[in-house]
């Protein structure tokens, strides 16, 4: 039983190393195939490709399989919370809230609906 576990751990370690190497090579290949021609950027080596892959995973996440805070049934929880808060407001509070949103986000409408000033300069 103990040797079976060692064999399984050994396979897992080899598979992990192989995946890291393949992901680094894939990132390097895709970068060198696309980026220098399109944007005139320099080519990268394996280590830079591996570092870029790790950086991208840190920035964009590791794909938690749909069990994270922003997935599945919790995706629209913020919407339910806002509906609940809004429904508890009195009519006066609702109007103030609407006006505040309008002042903040809809000021471009007022500018676009204002009539242009007529040109009063004399024509030559």
Protein backbone atom coordinates (compact mmCIF):
# COMPACT_ATOMS: atom_id res chain seq x y z
CA UNK A 1 0.00 0.00 0.00
CA UNK A 2 2.81 2.43 0.86
CA UNK A 3 4.59 1.83 -2.47
CA UNK A 4 1.29 2.37 -4.31
CA UNK A 5 0.96 5.77 -2.65
CA UNK A 6 4.54 6.67 -3.59
CA UNK A 7 3.83 5.72 -7.19
CA UNK A 8 0.68 7.87 -7.24
CA UNK A 9 2.50 10.87 -5.73
CA UNK A 10 5.35 10.39 -8.21
CA UNK A 11 2.91 10.38 -11.14
CA UNK A 12 1.22 13.50 -9.77
CA UNK A 13 4.54 15.35 -9.43
CA UNK A 14 5.66 14.36 -12.95
CA UNK A 15 2.28 15.38 -14.38
CA UNK A 16 2.46 18.72 -12.56
CA UNK A 17 5.95 19.47 -13.86
CA UNK A 18 4.91 18.45 -17.37
CA UNK A 19 1.87 20.76 -17.23
CA UNK A 20 3.98 23.70 -16.03
CA UNK A 21 6.46 23.16 -18.86
CA UNK A 22 3.70 22.80 -21.46
CA UNK A 23 1.86 25.93 -20.26
CA UNK A 24 5.09 27.94 -20.30
CA UNK A 25 5.92 26.73 -23.80
CA UNK A 26 2.38 27.40 -25.00
CA UNK A 27 2.44 30.95 -23.63
CA UNK A 28 5.87 31.54 -25.18
CA UNK A 29 4.76 30.16 -28.55
CA UNK A 30 1.52 32.16 -28.66
CA UNK A 31 3.28 35.38 -27.62
CA UNK A 32 6.08 34.94 -30.16
CA UNK A 33 3.63 33.97 -32.90
CA UNK A 34 1.26 36.91 -32.42
CA UNK A 35 2.65 39.87 -30.48
CA UNK A 36 5.87 40.77 -32.37
CA UNK A 37 4.09 40.89 -35.74
CA UNK A 38 1.01 42.79 -34.59
CA UNK A 39 2.43 45.19 -32.00
CA UNK A 40 6.16 45.11 -32.71
CA UNK A 41 6.93 43.72 -29.24
CA UNK A 42 10.06 41.66 -28.56
CA UNK A 43 10.06 37.87 -28.53
CA UNK A 44 10.16 36.16 -25.14
CA UNK A 45 11.91 33.06 -23.80
CA UNK A 46 10.44 30.13 -21.86
CA UNK A 47 10.91 31.68 -18.43
CA UNK A 48 9.27 34.92 -19.47
CA UNK A 49 6.36 32.96 -20.94
CA UNK A 50 5.99 30.98 -17.73
CA UNK A 51 6.10 34.16 -15.65
CA UNK A 52 3.51 35.76 -17.93
CA UNK A 53 1.21 32.76 -17.54
CA UNK A 54 1.51 32.89 -13.74
CA UNK A 55 0.89 36.64 -13.76
CA UNK A 56 -2.22 36.19 -15.91
CA UNK A 57 -3.52 33.51 -13.53
CA UNK A 58 -2.94 35.81 -10.56
CA UNK A 59 -4.74 38.69 -12.24
CA UNK A 60 -7.64 36.81 -13.86
CA UNK A 61 -8.01 33.95 -11.38
CA UNK A 62 -7.54 30.24 -11.40
CA UNK A 63 -11.06 29.20 -12.50
CA UNK A 64 -12.51 27.93 -9.24
CA UNK A 65 -14.98 25.61 -10.94
CA UNK A 66 -18.09 27.73 -10.45
CA UNK A 67 -18.16 27.65 -6.67
CA UNK A 68 -16.83 31.13 -6.06
CA UNK A 69 -18.50 34.27 -4.83
CA UNK A 70 -19.43 35.54 -8.32
CA UNK A 71 -20.76 32.33 -9.86
CA UNK A 72 -23.92 30.31 -10.14
CA UNK A 73 -26.89 31.24 -8.00
CA UNK A 74 -25.06 34.16 -6.34
CA UNK A 75 -24.40 36.02 -9.59
CA UNK A 76 -27.43 38.29 -9.23
CA UNK A 77 -27.46 38.59 -5.47
CA UNK A 78 -26.49 42.27 -5.70
CA UNK A 79 -29.62 42.85 -7.81
CA UNK A 80 -31.87 41.26 -5.21
CA UNK A 81 -30.25 43.37 -2.48
CA UNK A 82 -30.84 46.60 -4.43
CA UNK A 83 -34.47 45.67 -5.15
CA UNK A 84 -35.00 44.97 -1.47
CA UNK A 85 -33.42 48.29 -0.41
CA UNK A 86 -35.33 50.23 -3.07
CA UNK A 87 -38.66 48.68 -2.13
CA UNK A 88 -38.20 49.83 1.49
CA UNK A 89 -37.76 53.49 0.51
CA UNK A 90 -40.59 55.95 0.97
CA UNK A 91 -41.88 57.76 -2.17
CA UNK A 92 -39.95 60.92 -1.20
CA UNK A 93 -36.74 58.94 -0.70
CA UNK A 94 -37.27 57.23 -4.06
CA UNK A 95 -37.61 60.56 -5.82
CA UNK A 96 -34.45 61.88 -4.13
CA UNK A 97 -32.62 58.70 -5.12
CA UNK A 98 -33.82 58.96 -8.75
CA UNK A 99 -32.81 62.61 -8.89
CA UNK A 100 -29.38 61.84 -7.48
CA UNK A 101 -28.85 59.14 -10.12
CA UNK A 102 -30.13 61.44 -12.85
CA UNK A 103 -27.81 64.25 -11.74
CA UNK A 104 -24.83 61.92 -11.65
CA UNK A 105 -25.35 59.78 -14.77
CA UNK A 106 -27.73 61.65 -17.09
CA UNK A 107 -26.17 65.09 -17.30
CA UNK A 108 -25.17 64.36 -20.91
CA UNK A 109 -28.88 64.30 -21.89
CA UNK A 110 -29.37 67.86 -20.72
CA UNK A 111 -26.40 69.05 -22.77
CA UNK A 112 -27.55 67.24 -25.90
CA UNK A 113 -31.16 68.51 -25.68
CA UNK A 114 -30.28 72.19 -25.27
CA UNK A 115 -31.04 74.10 -28.46
CA UNK A 116 -28.08 75.57 -30.27
CA UNK A 117 -27.68 79.33 -30.14
CA UNK A 118 -28.59 80.90 -33.49
CA UNK A 119 -25.78 82.54 -35.38
CA UNK A 120 -26.47 86.27 -35.19
CA UNK A 121 -23.42 87.42 -37.09
CA UNK A 122 -24.23 89.42 -40.23
CA UNK A 123 -23.57 87.65 -43.51
CA UNK A 124 -21.19 89.28 -45.93
